[in-house]
Amino acid sequence: MDLSERQLEIIKASGKILMESGIAGLTTKNLAREMHFSESALYRHFKNKEAIITLLIAYLSENITQRFDTIINTKQSPEEKFKALFKSQFSYFKQNPCFINIVLSDGLIDNSDEVKNAIQQLLQTNFIRFNSLIKEGQKTGVFSIVISSEELVHIVMGTFRLQMLKWKLAAFEFDIEIQGQKTMNSLLALIKV
């Protein structure tokens, strides 16, 4: 993704506002105030708020895809890849909590069809990668075959999302890397053969 430095600053400031004030708080006025420039300056980079949110989701999606593909393409076992994927996720979100509302889709899917489609694309991208990992683990006898790979992916993604919601509701006060990995290790114990 080819972003200017200013666009990246706007995206990160938008994520911060989303985290602090939700979708209702993400206005061009609030964003301009956060960026310390005029509203009209925003329109030089983005046509509207929807374009900012859509690019924010695409930026996160690309980041996740790159990290996941790097891990999935290693020669580690499916179990080690599973742990590494979530270690990467929890570490990234600990460093970038401004993206938490994207993961939770907190009020975003009601915003517009364009935003809804971007979130669906993000979920589909994650689903494909997790599904390939679960299938690899099932094929090699590491993960249970009692439940289909697709259903296991729903369970895994739902568990991750719930962990992130608990972290947000706790005002980010606990260490998401430690608690998140503990939760995912427990889930791993349930899906292993």
Protein backbone atom coordinates (compact mmCIF):
# COMPACT_ATOMS: atom_id res chain seq x y z
CA MET A 1 0.00 0.00 0.00
CA ASP A 2 1.45 3.30 -1.08
CA LEU A 3 0.58 5.94 1.51
CA SER A 4 2.05 9.36 2.01
CA GLU A 5 3.46 10.15 5.42
CA ARG A 6 0.57 12.58 5.99
CA GLN A 7 -2.05 9.95 5.05
CA LEU A 8 -0.49 7.54 7.55
CA GLU A 9 -0.60 10.24 10.24
CA ILE A 10 -4.28 10.87 9.44
CA ILE A 11 -5.06 7.15 9.60
CA LYS A 12 -3.38 6.77 12.98
CA ALA A 13 -5.08 9.89 14.35
CA SER A 14 -8.42 8.53 13.09
CA GLY A 15 -7.78 5.24 14.88
CA LYS A 16 -6.99 7.13 18.07
CA ILE A 17 -10.26 9.08 17.84
CA LEU A 18 -12.21 5.89 17.09
CA MET A 19 -10.67 4.27 20.16
CA GLU A 20 -11.39 7.22 22.44
CA SER A 21 -14.74 8.48 21.09
CA GLY A 22 -16.15 5.81 18.80
CA ILE A 23 -17.54 6.33 15.33
CA ALA A 24 -19.63 9.33 16.41
CA GLY A 25 -16.48 11.11 17.58
CA LEU A 26 -14.67 10.64 14.29
CA THR A 27 -15.61 13.85 12.53
CA THR A 28 -13.52 15.92 10.16
CA LYS A 29 -13.63 18.70 12.76
CA ASN A 30 -12.25 16.42 15.52
CA LEU A 31 -9.71 14.89 13.18
CA ALA A 32 -8.48 18.29 12.01
CA ARG A 33 -8.15 19.36 15.67
CA GLU A 34 -6.18 16.17 16.47
CA MET A 35 -3.91 16.77 13.47
CA HIS A 36 -3.50 20.50 14.25
CA PHE A 37 -4.63 21.71 10.87
CA SER A 38 -7.77 22.88 9.07
CA GLU A 39 -10.63 20.67 7.93
CA SER A 40 -10.00 21.74 4.34
CA ALA A 41 -6.46 20.33 4.59
CA LEU A 42 -7.97 16.88 5.26
CA TYR A 43 -9.83 17.00 1.97
CA ARG A 44 -6.53 17.28 0.10
CA HIS A 45 -5.80 13.72 1.24
CA PHE A 46 -9.27 12.12 1.57
CA LYS A 47 -12.61 12.88 -0.04
CA ASN A 48 -14.60 12.13 3.15
CA LYS A 49 -14.66 10.34 6.51
CA GLU A 50 -15.74 7.09 4.86
CA ALA A 51 -12.60 7.11 2.70
CA ILE A 52 -10.45 7.56 5.81
CA ILE A 53 -12.11 4.64 7.62
CA THR A 54 -11.92 2.42 4.53
CA LEU A 55 -8.21 3.14 4.13
CA LEU A 56 -7.68 2.56 7.87
CA ILE A 57 -9.23 -0.90 7.50
CA ALA A 58 -7.22 -1.63 4.33
CA TYR A 59 -4.01 -0.55 6.09
CA LEU A 60 -4.69 -2.90 9.00
CA SER A 61 -5.67 -5.69 6.63
CA GLU A 62 -2.45 -5.38 4.66
CA ASN A 63 -0.40 -5.36 7.86
CA ILE A 64 -2.12 -8.51 9.15
CA THR A 65 -1.78 -10.25 5.78
CA GLN A 66 1.95 -9.57 5.61
CA ARG A 67 2.56 -10.76 9.17
CA PHE A 68 0.38 -13.87 8.77
CA ASP A 69 1.87 -14.85 5.41
CA THR A 70 5.39 -14.57 6.82
CA ILE A 71 4.46 -16.91 9.69
CA ILE A 72 2.40 -19.35 7.63
CA ASN A 73 5.22 -19.75 5.10
CA THR A 74 7.73 -20.86 7.74
CA LYS A 75 8.65 -24.49 8.30
CA GLN A 76 7.23 -24.48 11.83
CA SER A 77 4.62 -27.00 12.91
CA PRO A 78 0.94 -25.93 12.71
CA GLU A 79 0.92 -25.61 16.51
CA GLU A 80 3.96 -23.32 16.48
CA LYS A 81 2.44 -21.26 13.66
CA PHE A 82 -0.82 -20.94 15.61
CA LYS A 83 1.08 -19.60 18.64
CA ALA A 84 3.20 -17.29 16.48
CA LEU A 85 0.17 -15.82 14.71
CA PHE A 86 -1.46 -14.83 17.96
CA LYS A 87 1.78 -13.66 19.51
CA SER A 88 2.14 -11.39 16.49
CA GLN A 89 -1.45 -10.16 16.79
CA PHE A 90 -1.33 -9.40 20.50
CA SER A 91 2.06 -7.70 20.18
CA TYR A 92 0.85 -5.55 17.27
CA PHE A 93 -2.34 -4.44 19.01
CA LYS A 94 -0.48 -3.76 22.26
CA GLN A 95 1.72 -1.36 20.31
CA ASN A 96 -1.20 -0.02 18.22
CA PRO A 97 -4.37 -0.05 20.35
CA CYS A 98 -5.85 2.58 18.06
CA PHE A 99 -6.85 -0.26 15.70
CA ILE A 100 -8.98 -2.07 18.29
CA ASN A 101 -12.29 -0.70 16.99
CA ILE A 102 -11.51 -2.14 13.57
CA VAL A 103 -11.15 -5.62 15.09
CA LEU A 104 -14.34 -5.13 17.07
CA SER A 105 -16.11 -3.34 14.17
CA ASP A 106 -17.48 -1.15 16.93
CA GLY A 107 -20.23 0.83 15.19
CA LEU A 108 -18.37 0.77 11.89
CA ILE A 109 -20.58 -1.66 9.98
CA ASP A 110 -23.56 0.64 10.38
CA ASN A 111 -21.63 3.51 8.81
CA SER A 112 -21.73 2.68 5.09
CA ASP A 113 -21.66 -0.12 2.55
CA GLU A 114 -18.08 0.78 1.59
CA VAL A 115 -16.91 0.44 5.19
CA LYS A 116 -18.96 -2.73 5.69
CA ASN A 117 -17.36 -4.26 2.58
CA ALA A 118 -13.87 -3.34 3.79
CA ILE A 119 -14.54 -5.04 7.15
CA GLN A 120 -15.93 -8.11 5.39
CA GLN A 121 -12.77 -8.23 3.25
CA LEU A 122 -10.60 -8.03 6.38
CA LEU A 123 -12.55 -10.87 8.01
CA GLN A 124 -12.36 -12.97 4.84
CA THR A 125 -8.62 -12.41 4.57
CA ASN A 126 -8.14 -13.56 8.16
CA PHE A 127 -10.53 -16.49 7.66
CA ILE A 128 -8.62 -17.78 4.63
CA ARG A 129 -5.29 -17.74 6.44
CA PHE A 130 -6.60 -19.33 9.63
CA ASN A 131 -8.49 -21.94 7.64
CA SER A 132 -5.37 -22.96 5.72
CA LEU A 133 -3.45 -23.28 9.01
CA ILE A 134 -6.22 -25.32 10.68
CA LYS A 135 -6.51 -27.58 7.62
CA GLU A 136 -2.73 -28.10 7.64
CA GLY A 137 -2.95 -29.03 11.32
CA GLN A 138 -5.84 -31.41 10.69
CA LYS A 139 -4.06 -33.03 7.76
CA THR A 140 -0.92 -33.62 9.84
CA GLY A 141 -2.86 -34.93 12.83
CA VAL A 142 -2.16 -31.97 15.13
CA PHE A 143 -5.67 -30.49 15.27
CA SER A 144 -8.94 -32.32 15.83
CA ILE A 145 -11.00 -33.34 12.81
CA VAL A 146 -14.18 -33.78 14.86
CA ILE A 147 -15.11 -30.19 13.97
CA SER A 148 -14.67 -28.81 10.45
CA SER A 149 -11.82 -26.39 9.83
CA GLU A 150 -14.35 -23.66 9.01
CA GLU A 151 -16.11 -24.06 12.36
CA LEU A 152 -12.78 -24.14 14.22
CA VAL A 153 -11.83 -20.89 12.50
CA HIS A 154 -15.07 -19.28 13.72
CA ILE A 155 -14.28 -20.44 17.26
CA VAL A 156 -10.69 -19.18 17.04
CA MET A 157 -11.63 -15.80 15.56
CA GLY A 158 -14.48 -15.39 18.05
CA THR A 159 -12.17 -16.16 20.97
CA PHE A 160 -9.63 -13.62 19.72
CA ARG A 161 -12.32 -10.98 19.26
CA LEU A 162 -13.70 -11.61 22.76
CA GLN A 163 -10.21 -11.31 24.26
CA MET A 164 -9.74 -7.97 22.50
CA LEU A 165 -13.14 -6.75 23.73
CA LYS A 166 -12.24 -7.68 27.33
CA TRP A 167 -8.98 -5.76 26.94
CA LYS A 168 -10.79 -2.67 25.65
CA LEU A 169 -13.44 -2.85 28.39
CA ALA A 170 -10.64 -3.08 30.97
CA ALA A 171 -9.29 0.21 29.56
CA PHE A 172 -6.20 -1.67 28.28
CA GLU A 173 -5.03 -2.12 31.88
CA PHE A 174 -3.91 -5.76 31.63
CA ASP A 175 -1.08 -7.03 29.46
CA ILE A 176 -2.80 -8.27 26.31
CA GLU A 177 0.28 -10.22 25.23
CA ILE A 178 0.34 -12.28 28.42
CA GLN A 179 -3.41 -12.73 28.89
CA GLY A 180 -4.12 -13.11 25.19
CA GLN A 181 -1.49 -15.79 24.70
CA LYS A 182 -2.76 -17.62 27.79
CA THR A 183 -6.28 -17.67 26.33
CA MET A 184 -5.11 -18.82 22.91
CA ASN A 185 -2.93 -21.55 24.47
CA SER A 186 -6.04 -22.80 26.28
CA LEU A 187 -7.95 -22.80 23.01
CA LEU A 188 -5.07 -24.60 21.35
CA ALA A 189 -5.25 -27.31 24.03
CA LEU A 190 -8.94 -27.78 23.18
CA ILE A 191 -8.47 -28.14 19.43
CA LYS A 192 -5.37 -30.34 19.51
CA VAL A 193 -5.67 -34.09 19.07
